[in-house]
PDB file of N, CA and C in Angstrom:
ATOM      1  N   MET A   1     -83.215 -19.714  34.267  1.00  0.00           N
ATOM      2  CA  MET A   1     -82.360 -20.409  35.130  1.00  0.00           C
ATOM      3  C   MET A   1     -81.588 -21.395  34.764  1.00  0.00           C
ATOM      4  N   GLU A   2     -81.814 -22.418  33.917  1.00  0.00           N
ATOM      5  CA  GLU A   2     -80.716 -23.488  33.477  1.00  0.00           C
ATOM      6  C   GLU A   2     -79.696 -22.468  33.563  1.00  0.00           C
ATOM      7  N   GLU A   3     -79.473 -21.202  32.293  1.00  0.00           N
ATOM      8  CA  GLU A   3     -78.151 -21.394  32.069  1.00  0.00           C
ATOM      9  C   GLU A   3     -77.130 -20.315  33.352  1.00  0.00           C
ATOM     10  N   ASN A   4     -78.038 -20.076  34.191  1.00  0.00           N
ATOM     11  CA  ASN A   4     -77.216 -19.493  35.370  1.00  0.00           C
ATOM     12  C   ASN A   4     -76.999 -20.713  35.928  1.00  0.00           C
ATOM     13  N   VAL A   5     -77.045 -21.846  36.605  1.00  0.00           N
ATOM     14  CA  VAL A   5     -77.164 -23.387  36.681  1.00  0.00           C
ATOM     15  C   VAL A   5     -76.022 -23.726  36.453  1.00  0.00           C
ATOM     16  N   ASN A   6     -75.329 -23.669  34.678  1.00  0.00           N
ATOM     17  CA  ASN A   6     -74.592 -23.796  34.452  1.00  0.00           C
ATOM     18  C   ASN A   6     -73.580 -23.144  34.954  1.00  0.00           C
ATOM     19  N   GLU A   7     -74.090 -21.506  34.533  1.00  0.00           N
ATOM     20  CA  GLU A   7     -73.099 -20.708  34.516  1.00  0.00           C
ATOM     21  C   GLU A   7     -72.164 -21.163  35.746  1.00  0.00           C
ATOM     22  N   VAL A   8     -73.254 -21.450  37.031  1.00  0.00           N
ATOM     23  CA  VAL A   8     -72.486 -21.579  39.078  1.00  0.00           C
ATOM     24  C   VAL A   8     -70.956 -22.484  38.582  1.00  0.00           C
ATOM     25  N   LEU A   9     -71.453 -23.745  37.859  1.00  0.00           N
ATOM     26  CA  LEU A   9     -71.130 -25.044  38.768  1.00  0.00           C
ATOM     27  C   LEU A   9     -69.867 -24.339  37.019  1.00  0.00           C
ATOM     28  N   GLY A  10     -69.862 -23.816  36.211  1.00  0.00           N
ATOM     29  CA  GLY A  10     -68.917 -24.314  35.660  1.00  0.00           C
ATOM     30  C   GLY A  10     -68.855 -25.084  34.538  1.00  0.00           C
ATOM     31  N   ILE A  11     -70.047 -25.176  33.829  1.00  0.00           N
ATOM     32  CA  ILE A  11     -70.329 -26.302  32.847  1.00  0.00           C
ATOM     33  C   ILE A  11     -70.145 -25.325  31.560  1.00  0.00           C
ATOM     34  N   GLN A  12     -69.235 -25.560  30.814  1.00  0.00           N
ATOM     35  CA  GLN A  12     -69.308 -25.222  28.896  1.00  0.00           C
ATOM     36  C   GLN A  12     -70.015 -26.345  28.107  1.00  0.00           C
ATOM     37  N   GLU A  13     -71.408 -25.366  27.590  1.00  0.00           N
ATOM     38  CA  GLU A  13     -71.572 -26.347  26.304  1.00  0.00           C
ATOM     39  C   GLU A  13     -70.826 -26.343  25.553  1.00  0.00           C
ATOM     40  N   THR A  14     -70.610 -28.031  24.653  1.00  0.00           N
ATOM     41  CA  THR A  14     -69.974 -28.000  23.388  1.00  0.00           C
ATOM     42  C   THR A  14     -70.514 -28.264  22.259  1.00  0.00           C
ATOM     43  N   LYS A  15     -70.388 -28.504  21.660  1.00  0.00           N
ATOM     44  CA  LYS A  15     -70.834 -29.041  20.123  1.00  0.00           C
ATOM     45  C   LYS A  15     -70.549 -30.783  20.165  1.00  0.00           C
ATOM     46  N   GLU A  16     -71.359 -30.881  19.384  1.00  0.00           N
ATOM     47  CA  GLU A  16     -70.757 -32.335  18.956  1.00  0.00           C
ATOM     48  C   GLU A  16     -69.913 -32.997  18.342  1.00  0.00           C
ATOM     49  N   ASN A  17     -69.132 -32.277  17.431  1.00  0.00           N
ATOM     50  CA  ASN A  17     -67.819 -32.788  17.314  1.00  0.00           C
ATOM     51  C   ASN A  17     -66.801 -32.131  18.161  1.00  0.00           C
ATOM     52  N   GLU A  18     -67.122 -31.428  18.810  1.00  0.00           N
ATOM     53  CA  GLU A  18     -65.843 -30.372  19.290  1.00  0.00           C
ATOM     54  C   GLU A  18     -65.598 -30.844  20.428  1.00  0.00           C
ATOM     55  N   THR A  19     -64.114 -31.396  20.919  1.00  0.00           N
ATOM     56  CA  THR A  19     -64.029 -31.828  22.412  1.00  0.00           C
ATOM     57  C   THR A  19     -63.271 -31.251  23.118  1.00  0.00           C
ATOM     58  N   VAL A  20     -63.296 -31.351  23.854  1.00  0.00           N
ATOM     59  CA  VAL A  20     -62.720 -30.396  25.440  1.00  0.00           C
ATOM     60  C   VAL A  20     -61.559 -31.012  26.300  1.00  0.00           C
ATOM     61  N   VAL A  21     -59.978 -30.938  25.629  1.00  0.00           N
ATOM     62  CA  VAL A  21     -58.967 -30.854  26.121  1.00  0.00           C
ATOM     63  C   VAL A  21     -57.987 -30.380  26.450  1.00  0.00           C
ATOM     64  N   GLU A  22     -58.805 -29.233  27.200  1.00  0.00           N
ATOM     65  CA  GLU A  22     -57.182 -27.910  27.668  1.00  0.00           C
ATOM     66  C   GLU A  22     -56.920 -28.611  28.759  1.00  0.00           C
ATOM     67  N   TYR A  23     -56.840 -29.410  29.642  1.00  0.00           N
ATOM     68  CA  TYR A  23     -56.014 -29.660  30.801  1.00  0.00           C
ATOM     69  C   TYR A  23     -54.777 -30.536  30.033  1.00  0.00           C
ATOM     70  N   VAL A  24     -54.411 -30.952  28.563  1.00  0.00           N
ATOM     71  CA  VAL A  24     -53.029 -31.487  28.891  1.00  0.00           C
ATOM     72  C   VAL A  24     -51.996 -30.651  28.620  1.00  0.00           C
ATOM     73  N   ASP A  25     -52.335 -29.638  27.492  1.00  0.00           N
ATOM     74  CA  ASP A  25     -51.584 -28.450  27.986  1.00  0.00           C
ATOM     75  C   ASP A  25     -51.069 -27.255  29.521  1.00  0.00           C
ATOM     76  N   THR A  26     -52.767 -27.035  29.817  1.00  0.00           N
ATOM     77  CA  THR A  26     -52.462 -26.716  30.862  1.00  0.00           C
ATOM     78  C   THR A  26     -51.885 -27.482  32.217  1.00  0.00           C
ATOM     79  N   TYR A  27     -51.818 -28.753  32.792  1.00  0.00           N
ATOM     80  CA  TYR A  27     -51.718 -29.658  33.428  1.00  0.00           C
ATOM     81  C   TYR A  27     -51.382 -30.074  33.934  1.00  0.00           C
ATOM     82  N   SER A  28     -49.236 -29.541  34.102  1.00  0.00           N
ATOM     83  CA  SER A  28     -48.441 -30.435  34.350  1.00  0.00           C
ATOM     84  C   SER A  28     -48.275 -31.578  34.565  1.00  0.00           C
ATOM     85  N   HIS A  29     -48.614 -31.514  36.156  1.00  0.00           N
ATOM     86  CA  HIS A  29     -47.783 -32.606  36.599  1.00  0.00           C
ATOM     87  C   HIS A  29     -49.016 -33.862  36.312  1.00  0.00           C
ATOM     88  N   GLU A  30     -50.508 -33.395  36.169  1.00  0.00           N
ATOM     89  CA  GLU A  30     -51.378 -34.352  35.571  1.00  0.00           C
ATOM     90  C   GLU A  30     -50.761 -35.287  34.745  1.00  0.00           C
ATOM     91  N   LYS A  31     -50.376 -33.954  33.279  1.00  0.00           N
ATOM     92  CA  LYS A  31     -50.283 -34.803  32.392  1.00  0.00           C
ATOM     93  C   LYS A  31     -48.675 -35.963  32.317  1.00  0.00           C
ATOM     94  N   THR A  32     -47.827 -35.949  34.023  1.00  0.00           N
ATOM     95  CA  THR A  32     -47.211 -36.794  34.635  1.00  0.00           C
ATOM     96  C   THR A  32     -47.715 -37.534  34.913  1.00  0.00           C
ATOM     97  N   LEU A  33     -48.637 -37.466  35.288  1.00  0.00           N
ATOM     98  CA  LEU A  33     -49.290 -38.166  36.285  1.00  0.00           C
ATOM     99  C   LEU A  33     -50.123 -39.414  35.227  1.00  0.00           C
ATOM    100  N   ARG A  34     -49.785 -39.032  34.665  1.00  0.00           N
ATOM    101  CA  ARG A  34     -50.704 -40.136  33.055  1.00  0.00           C
ATOM    102  C   ARG A  34     -49.697 -40.839  32.776  1.00  0.00           C
ATOM    103  N   THR A  35     -48.793 -40.263  32.357  1.00  0.00           N
ATOM    104  CA  THR A  35     -47.791 -40.767  31.834  1.00  0.00           C
ATOM    105  C   THR A  35     -47.166 -41.602  32.447  1.00  0.00           C
ATOM    106  N   VAL A  36     -46.918 -41.360  34.170  1.00  0.00           N
ATOM    107  CA  VAL A  36     -46.051 -42.466  34.810  1.00  0.00           C
ATOM    108  C   VAL A  36     -46.894 -43.553  35.226  1.00  0.00           C
ATOM    109  N   ALA A  37     -48.810 -43.117  34.728  1.00  0.00           N
ATOM    110  CA  ALA A  37     -49.673 -44.090  35.036  1.00  0.00           C
ATOM    111  C   ALA A  37     -49.608 -45.242  33.768  1.00  0.00           C
ATOM    112  N   THR A  38     -49.337 -45.200  32.259  1.00  0.00           N
ATOM    113  CA  THR A  38     -49.484 -45.799  31.048  1.00  0.00           C
ATOM    114  C   THR A  38     -47.756 -46.435  31.136  1.00  0.00           C
ATOM    115  N   ILE A  39     -47.435 -45.674  31.554  1.00  0.00           N
ATOM    116  CA  ILE A  39     -45.545 -46.877  31.788  1.00  0.00           C
ATOM    117  C   ILE A  39     -45.866 -47.961  32.658  1.00  0.00           C
ATOM    118  N   VAL A  40     -46.685 -47.673  33.635  1.00  0.00           N
ATOM    119  CA  VAL A  40     -47.012 -48.591  34.952  1.00  0.00           C
ATOM    120  C   VAL A  40     -47.547 -49.807  34.576  1.00  0.00           C
ATOM    121  N   LEU A  41     -49.573 -49.320  33.612  1.00  0.00           N
ATOM    122  CA  LEU A  41     -49.803 -50.637  32.815  1.00  0.00           C
ATOM    123  C   LEU A  41     -49.054 -51.176  32.259  1.00  0.00           C
ATOM    124  N   TRP A  42     -48.286 -50.681  31.157  1.00  0.00           N
ATOM    125  CA  TRP A  42     -47.073 -51.830  29.825  1.00  0.00           C
ATOM    126  C   TRP A  42     -45.765 -52.390  30.843  1.00  0.00           C
ATOM    127  N   VAL A  43     -45.491 -51.439  31.817  1.00  0.00           N
ATOM    128  CA  VAL A  43     -44.211 -52.334  32.889  1.00  0.00           C
ATOM    129  C   VAL A  43     -45.599 -53.635  33.183  1.00  0.00           C
ATOM    130  N   GLY A  44     -46.644 -53.755  33.489  1.00  0.00           N
ATOM    131  CA  GLY A  44     -47.500 -54.645  34.711  1.00  0.00           C
ATOM    132  C   GLY A  44     -47.709 -55.407  33.096  1.00  0.00           C
ATOM    133  N   ILE A  45     -48.249 -55.077  32.002  1.00  0.00           N
ATOM    134  CA  ILE A  45     -48.500 -56.383  30.773  1.00  0.00           C
ATOM    135  C   ILE A  45     -47.304 -57.095  31.207  1.00  0.00           C
ATOM    136  N   ILE A  46     -46.092 -56.373  30.456  1.00  0.00           N
ATOM    137  CA  ILE A  46     -45.015 -57.181  29.652  1.00  0.00           C
ATOM    138  C   ILE A  46     -44.728 -58.265  31.168  1.00  0.00           C
ATOM    139  N   ALA A  47     -45.008 -57.631  32.353  1.00  0.00           N
ATOM    140  CA  ALA A  47     -43.731 -58.875  33.707  1.00  0.00           C
ATOM    141  C   ALA A  47     -45.116 -60.019  33.565  1.00  0.00           C
ATOM    142  N   THR A  48     -46.575 -58.971  33.142  1.00  0.00           N
ATOM    143  CA  THR A  48     -47.871 -60.524  33.047  1.00  0.00           C
ATOM    144  C   THR A  48     -47.254 -61.427  32.578  1.00  0.00           C
ATOM    145  N   LEU A  49     -46.922 -60.940  31.059  1.00  0.00           N
ATOM    146  CA  LEU A  49     -46.465 -62.212  30.056  1.00  0.00           C
ATOM    147  C   LEU A  49     -45.212 -62.855  30.407  1.00  0.00           C
ATOM    148  N   VAL A  50     -43.740 -62.324  30.868  1.00  0.00           N
ATOM    149  CA  VAL A  50     -43.125 -62.922  31.058  1.00  0.00           C
ATOM    150  C   VAL A  50     -43.089 -63.835  32.224  1.00  0.00           C
ATOM    151  N   CYS A  51     -44.118 -62.952  33.213  1.00  0.00           N
ATOM    152  CA  CYS A  51     -44.409 -64.444  34.275  1.00  0.00           C
ATOM    153  C   CYS A  51     -45.295 -65.539  33.931  1.00  0.00           C
ATOM    154  N   LEU A  52     -45.954 -65.199  32.923  1.00  0.00           N
ATOM    155  CA  LEU A  52     -46.620 -66.341  32.593  1.00  0.00           C
ATOM    156  C   LEU A  52     -46.220 -67.217  31.722  1.00  0.00           C
ATOM    157  N   PHE A  53     -45.249 -67.506  30.660  1.00  0.00           N
ATOM    158  CA  PHE A  53     -43.896 -68.158  29.875  1.00  0.00           C
ATOM    159  C   PHE A  53     -42.872 -68.837  31.130  1.00  0.00           C
ATOM    160  N   THR A  54     -42.807 -67.711  31.864  1.00  0.00           N
ATOM    161  CA  THR A  54     -41.947 -68.511  32.530  1.00  0.00           C
ATOM    162  C   THR A  54     -42.089 -69.133  33.857  1.00  0.00           C
ATOM    163  N   ILE A  55     -42.966 -68.385  34.306  1.00  0.00           N
ATOM    164  CA  ILE A  55     -43.007 -69.589  35.927  1.00  0.00           C
ATOM    165  C   ILE A  55     -44.304 -70.539  36.180  1.00  0.00           C
ATOM    166  N   THR A  56     -45.530 -70.134  35.045  1.00  0.00           N
ATOM    167  CA  THR A  56     -46.507 -71.079  34.363  1.00  0.00           C
ATOM    168  C   THR A  56     -46.256 -72.560  34.347  1.00  0.00           C
ATOM    169  N   TYR A  57     -45.115 -72.583  33.487  1.00  0.00           N
ATOM    170  CA  TYR A  57     -44.926 -73.940  33.065  1.00  0.00           C
ATOM    171  C   TYR A  57     -43.216 -74.024  33.987  1.00  0.00           C
ATOM    172  N   THR A  58     -43.031 -74.619  34.624  1.00  0.00           N
ATOM    173  CA  THR A  58     -42.117 -75.411  35.612  1.00  0.00           C
ATOM    174  C   THR A  58     -41.805 -76.578  35.274  1.00  0.00           C
ATOM    175  N   SER A  59     -40.101 -77.053  34.758  1.00  0.00           N
ATOM    176  CA  SER A  59     -39.109 -77.762  34.397  1.00  0.00           C
ATOM    177  C   SER A  59     -38.271 -78.782  35.379  1.00  0.00           C
ATOM    178  N   THR A  60     -38.583 -80.382  35.502  1.00  0.00           N
ATOM    179  CA  THR A  60     -38.529 -80.441  36.596  1.00  0.00           C
ATOM    180  C   THR A  60     -37.687 -81.904  35.930  1.00  0.00           C
ATOM    181  N   VAL A  61     -36.582 -82.087  37.205  1.00  0.00           N
ATOM    182  CA  VAL A  61     -35.873 -83.173  36.207  1.00  0.00           C
ATOM    183  C   VAL A  61     -35.491 -83.954  37.022  1.00  0.00           C
ATOM    184  N   ASN A  62     -35.290 -85.770  37.036  1.00  0.00           N
ATOM    185  CA  ASN A  62     -35.580 -86.830  37.624  1.00  0.00           C
ATOM    186  C   ASN A  62     -33.802 -87.040  37.242  1.00  0.00           C
ATOM    187  N   MET A  63     -34.064 -88.340  38.363  1.00  0.00           N
ATOM    188  CA  MET A  63     -33.002 -88.484  38.680  1.00  0.00           C
ATOM    189  C   MET A  63     -32.005 -89.239  36.920  1.00  0.00           C
ATOM    190  N   TRP A  64     -32.834 -89.504  36.695  1.00  0.00           N
ATOM    191  CA  TRP A  64     -32.243 -90.282  35.328  1.00  0.00           C
ATOM    192  C   TRP A  64     -31.320 -88.725  33.999  1.00  0.00           C
ATOM    193  N   GLY A  65     -32.047 -87.987  34.376  1.00  0.00           N
ATOM    194  CA  GLY A  65     -31.942 -86.631  33.405  1.00  0.00           C
ATOM    195  C   GLY A  65     -32.492 -86.167  32.287  1.00  0.00           C
ATOM    196  N   ASN A  66     -34.201 -86.847  33.123  1.00  0.00           N
ATOM    197  CA  ASN A  66     -34.950 -86.597  32.107  1.00  0.00           C
ATOM    198  C   ASN A  66     -35.900 -85.326  32.520  1.00  0.00           C
ATOM    199  N   ALA A  67     -36.028 -84.208  31.556  1.00  0.00           N
ATOM    200  CA  ALA A  67     -36.660 -82.878  31.994  1.00  0.00           C
ATOM    201  C   ALA A  67     -37.860 -82.938  31.265  1.00  0.00           C
ATOM    202  N   LYS A  68     -38.928 -83.051  32.643  1.00  0.00           N
ATOM    203  CA  LYS A  68     -40.257 -82.900  32.179  1.00  0.00           C
ATOM    204  C   LYS A  68     -40.984 -81.338  32.903  1.00  0.00           C
ATOM    205  N   LYS A  69     -42.317 -80.718  32.054  1.00  0.00           N
ATOM    206  CA  LYS A  69     -42.520 -79.516  31.715  1.00  0.00           C
ATOM    207  C   LYS A  69     -43.603 -80.138  32.822  1.00  0.00           C
ATOM    208  N   GLU A  70     -43.955 -79.113  33.975  1.00  0.00           N
ATOM    209  CA  GLU A  70     -45.147 -79.481  35.043  1.00  0.00           C
ATOM    210  C   GLU A  70     -45.927 -78.088  34.595  1.00  0.00           C
ATOM    211  N   PHE A  71     -47.146 -78.066  34.937  1.00  0.00           N
ATOM    212  CA  PHE A  71     -48.055 -76.990  35.416  1.00  0.00           C
ATOM    213  C   PHE A  71     -48.303 -76.546  36.947  1.00  0.00           C
ATOM    214  N   SER A  72     -48.196 -75.362  36.412  1.00  0.00           N
ATOM    215  CA  SER A  72     -47.867 -74.280  38.573  1.00  0.00           C
ATOM    216  C   SER A  72     -49.306 -74.008  38.456  1.00  0.00           C
ATOM    217  N   ILE A  73     -50.220 -74.136  39.366  1.00  0.00           N
ATOM    218  CA  ILE A  73     -51.261 -73.021  40.176  1.00  0.00           C
ATOM    219  C   ILE A  73     -50.683 -71.459  40.236  1.00  0.00           C
ATOM    220  N   MET A  74     -49.098 -71.850  40.985  1.00  0.00           N
ATOM    221  CA  MET A  74     -48.931 -70.491  41.608  1.00  0.00           C
ATOM    222  C   MET A  74     -48.168 -69.691  41.087  1.00  0.00           C
ATOM    223  N   GLY A  75     -47.450 -70.249  39.349  1.00  0.00           N
ATOM    224  CA  GLY A  75     -47.260 -69.263  38.923  1.00  0.00           C
ATOM    225  C   GLY A  75     -48.474 -68.287  38.430  1.00  0.00           C
ATOM    226  N   LEU A  76     -49.686 -69.410  37.705  1.00  0.00           N
ATOM    227  CA  LEU A  76     -50.567 -68.789  37.578  1.00  0.00           C
ATOM    228  C   LEU A  76     -50.431 -67.745  37.987  1.00  0.00           C
ATOM    229  N   LEU A  77     -51.862 -68.109  39.139  1.00  0.00           N
ATOM    230  CA  LEU A  77     -52.114 -67.225  40.515  1.00  0.00           C
ATOM    231  C   LEU A  77     -50.989 -65.805  40.546  1.00  0.00           C
ATOM    232  N   ILE A  78     -49.708 -66.204  40.536  1.00  0.00           N
ATOM    233  CA  ILE A  78     -48.738 -65.142  40.606  1.00  0.00           C
ATOM    234  C   ILE A  78     -49.262 -63.480  39.143  1.00  0.00           C
ATOM    235  N   SER A  79     -49.015 -64.482  38.192  1.00  0.00           N
ATOM    236  CA  SER A  79     -49.068 -64.216  37.232  1.00  0.00           C
ATOM    237  C   SER A  79     -50.343 -63.006  36.928  1.00  0.00           C
ATOM    238  N   ILE A  80     -51.435 -63.590  37.019  1.00  0.00           N
ATOM    239  CA  ILE A  80     -52.707 -62.962  37.275  1.00  0.00           C
ATOM    240  C   ILE A  80     -52.747 -61.659  38.123  1.00  0.00           C
ATOM    241  N   LEU A  81     -52.247 -62.311  39.407  1.00  0.00           N
ATOM    242  CA  LEU A  81     -51.771 -60.691  40.245  1.00  0.00           C
ATOM    243  C   LEU A  81     -50.665 -59.601  40.138  1.00  0.00           C
ATOM    244  N   VAL A  82     -50.374 -60.117  38.960  1.00  0.00           N
ATOM    245  CA  VAL A  82     -49.344 -59.164  38.966  1.00  0.00           C
ATOM    246  C   VAL A  82     -50.292 -57.987  37.477  1.00  0.00           C
ATOM    247  N   GLY A  83     -50.668 -58.333  36.623  1.00  0.00           N
ATOM    248  CA  GLY A  83     -51.568 -57.960  35.806  1.00  0.00           C
ATOM    249  C   GLY A  83     -52.774 -57.469  36.452  1.00  0.00           C
ATOM    250  N   ILE A  84     -53.332 -57.771  37.873  1.00  0.00           N
ATOM    251  CA  ILE A  84     -54.564 -57.285  38.307  1.00  0.00           C
ATOM    252  C   ILE A  84     -53.883 -56.228  38.825  1.00  0.00           C
ATOM    253  N   SER A  85     -53.144 -56.572  40.408  1.00  0.00           N
ATOM    254  CA  SER A  85     -52.055 -55.045  39.886  1.00  0.00           C
ATOM    255  C   SER A  85     -51.602 -54.067  38.916  1.00  0.00           C
ATOM    256  N   SER A  86     -51.527 -54.011  38.377  1.00  0.00           N
ATOM    257  CA  SER A  86     -50.869 -53.551  37.277  1.00  0.00           C
ATOM    258  C   SER A  86     -52.201 -52.120  36.923  1.00  0.00           C
ATOM    259  N   VAL A  87     -53.067 -53.752  36.672  1.00  0.00           N
ATOM    260  CA  VAL A  87     -54.640 -52.574  35.871  1.00  0.00           C
ATOM    261  C   VAL A  87     -54.949 -51.681  37.070  1.00  0.00           C
ATOM    262  N   THR A  88     -55.104 -51.912  38.360  1.00  0.00           N
ATOM    263  CA  THR A  88     -56.027 -51.266  39.464  1.00  0.00           C
ATOM    264  C   THR A  88     -55.104 -49.750  39.399  1.00  0.00           C
ATOM    265  N   THR A  89     -53.456 -50.278  39.918  1.00  0.00           N
ATOM    266  CA  THR A  89     -52.344 -48.677  39.857  1.00  0.00           C
ATOM    267  C   THR A  89     -52.688 -48.245  39.373  1.00  0.00           C
ATOM    268  N   TRP A  90     -52.485 -48.632  37.749  1.00  0.00           N
ATOM    269  CA  TRP A  90     -53.476 -47.720  35.789  1.00  0.00           C
ATOM    270  C   TRP A  90     -54.276 -46.703  36.523  1.00  0.00           C
ATOM    271  N   ALA A  91     -54.928 -47.128  37.452  1.00  0.00           N
ATOM    272  CA  ALA A  91     -57.086 -46.739  37.402  1.00  0.00           C
ATOM    273  C   ALA A  91     -56.872 -45.913  37.852  1.00  0.00           C
ATOM    274  N   ILE A  92     -56.340 -46.089  39.015  1.00  0.00           N
ATOM    275  CA  ILE A  92     -56.200 -45.542  40.660  1.00  0.00           C
ATOM    276  C   ILE A  92     -55.352 -43.902  39.903  1.00  0.00           C
ATOM    277  N   LEU A  93     -54.458 -44.049  39.383  1.00  0.00           N
ATOM    278  CA  LEU A  93     -53.594 -43.250  38.890  1.00  0.00           C
ATOM    279  C   LEU A  93     -54.151 -41.817  38.274  1.00  0.00           C
ATOM    280  N   ASN A  94     -55.047 -42.635  37.159  1.00  0.00           N
ATOM    281  CA  ASN A  94     -56.018 -42.071  36.523  1.00  0.00           C
ATOM    282  C   ASN A  94     -57.072 -41.160  36.555  1.00  0.00           C
ATOM    283  N   VAL A  95     -58.179 -41.728  38.213  1.00  0.00           N
ATOM    284  CA  VAL A  95     -58.645 -41.221  39.161  1.00  0.00           C
ATOM    285  C   VAL A  95     -58.149 -40.260  39.711  1.00  0.00           C
ATOM    286  N   LEU A  96     -57.335 -40.036  40.454  1.00  0.00           N
ATOM    287  CA  LEU A  96     -55.897 -39.157  41.228  1.00  0.00           C
ATOM    288  C   LEU A  96     -56.077 -37.971  39.966  1.00  0.00           C
ATOM    289  N   SER A  97     -55.227 -38.204  39.027  1.00  0.00           N
ATOM    290  CA  SER A  97     -55.377 -37.107  37.949  1.00  0.00           C
ATOM    291  C   SER A  97     -56.589 -36.308  37.413  1.00  0.00           C
ATOM    292  N   ASN A  98     -57.746 -36.878  37.022  1.00  0.00           N
ATOM    293  CA  ASN A  98     -59.007 -36.397  37.001  1.00  0.00           C
ATOM    294  C   ASN A  98     -59.104 -35.942  37.662  1.00  0.00           C
ATOM    295  N   ILE A  99     -58.836 -36.304  39.145  1.00  0.00           N
ATOM    296  CA  ILE A  99     -59.840 -35.644  40.873  1.00  0.00           C
ATOM    297  C   ILE A  99     -58.957 -34.417  40.411  1.00  0.00           C
ATOM    298  N   SER A 100     -58.069 -34.433  40.607  1.00  0.00           N
ATOM    299  CA  SER A 100     -56.930 -32.816  40.922  1.00  0.00           C
ATOM    300  C   SER A 100     -57.010 -31.723  39.425  1.00  0.00           C
ATOM    301  N   ILE A 101     -57.498 -32.466  38.140  1.00  0.00           N
ATOM    302  CA  ILE A 101     -58.410 -31.158  37.834  1.00  0.00           C
ATOM    303  C   ILE A 101     -59.388 -30.878  37.910  1.00  0.00           C
ATOM    304  N   ASN A 102     -60.366 -31.716  37.904  1.00  0.00           N
ATOM    305  CA  ASN A 102     -61.395 -30.456  38.809  1.00  0.00           C
ATOM    306  C   ASN A 102     -61.662 -30.247  39.484  1.00  0.00           C
ATOM    307  N   LEU A 103     -60.532 -30.358  40.627  1.00  0.00           N
ATOM    308  CA  LEU A 103     -60.794 -29.399  41.726  1.00  0.00           C
ATOM    309  C   LEU A 103     -59.737 -27.575  41.160  1.00  0.00           C
ATOM    310  N   TYR A 104     -59.212 -28.314  39.602  1.00  0.00           N
ATOM    311  CA  TYR A 104     -58.734 -27.079  39.170  1.00  0.00           C
ATOM    312  C   TYR A 104     -59.245 -26.348  38.922  1.00  0.00           C
ATOM    313  N   LYS A 105     -60.251 -27.009  38.047  1.00  0.00           N
ATOM    314  CA  LYS A 105     -61.353 -26.256  37.379  1.00  0.00           C
ATOM    315  C   LYS A 105     -62.224 -25.893  38.161  1.00  0.00           C
ATOM    316  N   ILE A 106     -62.819 -26.033  39.150  1.00  0.00           N
ATOM    317  CA  ILE A 106     -63.745 -25.574  40.453  1.00  0.00           C
ATOM    318  C   ILE A 106     -63.241 -24.517  40.524  1.00  0.00           C
ATOM    319  N   LYS A 107     -61.292 -24.622  41.330  1.00  0.00           N
ATOM    320  CA  LYS A 107     -61.361 -23.678  41.806  1.00  0.00           C
ATOM    321  C   LYS A 107     -61.322 -22.670  41.048  1.00  0.00           C
ATOM    322  N   ASP A 108     -60.978 -22.570  39.210  1.00  0.00           N
ATOM    323  CA  ASP A 108     -60.659 -21.472  39.198  1.00  0.00           C
ATOM    324  C   ASP A 108     -61.683 -20.685  38.508  1.00  0.00           C
ATOM    325  N   ASN A 109     -63.145 -21.883  38.367  1.00  0.00           N
ATOM    326  CA  ASN A 109     -64.915 -21.310  37.935  1.00  0.00           C
ATOM    327  C   ASN A 109     -65.139 -20.466  39.272  1.00  0.00           C
ATOM    328  N   LEU A 110     -64.535 -20.099  40.244  1.00  0.00           N
ATOM    329  CA  LEU A 110     -64.879 -19.823  41.391  1.00  0.00           C
ATOM    330  C   LEU A 110     -64.447 -18.604  41.918  1.00  0.00           C
ATOM    331  N   LYS A 111     -63.345 -18.266  41.468  1.00  0.00           N
ATOM    332  CA  LYS A 111     -62.384 -17.659  41.248  1.00  0.00           C
ATOM    333  C   LYS A 111     -62.737 -16.394  40.382  1.00  0.00           C
ATOM    334  N   GLY A 112     -63.722 -17.259  39.240  1.00  0.00           N
ATOM    335  CA  GLY A 112     -64.536 -15.750  38.663  1.00  0.00           C
ATOM    336  C   GLY A 112     -63.547 -15.369  37.196  1.00  0.00           C
TER     337      GLY A 112
END
């Protein structure tokens, strides 16, 4: 009975050292989506670091011409939100890619 259930659901048993990475070659749109997700993540990390070093500490100049660095809580919040939004976008794109791959696999298994 267990073999029939696995066969109907399209579950393939793998050995311990064997990995199944067939979607990388056959599903080009999902591979592109994962690439875009990775690019979004790296650009977000770089933007977060740039924001941390530029808008977290602002310099103010008084009337005598002396510059002073001050901590900006709004700059820190913006930097954190840029980082969180890039990680969230990366995760959503990866989840959409996984859903699409699984739907293709289910369709292929139902066709026979």
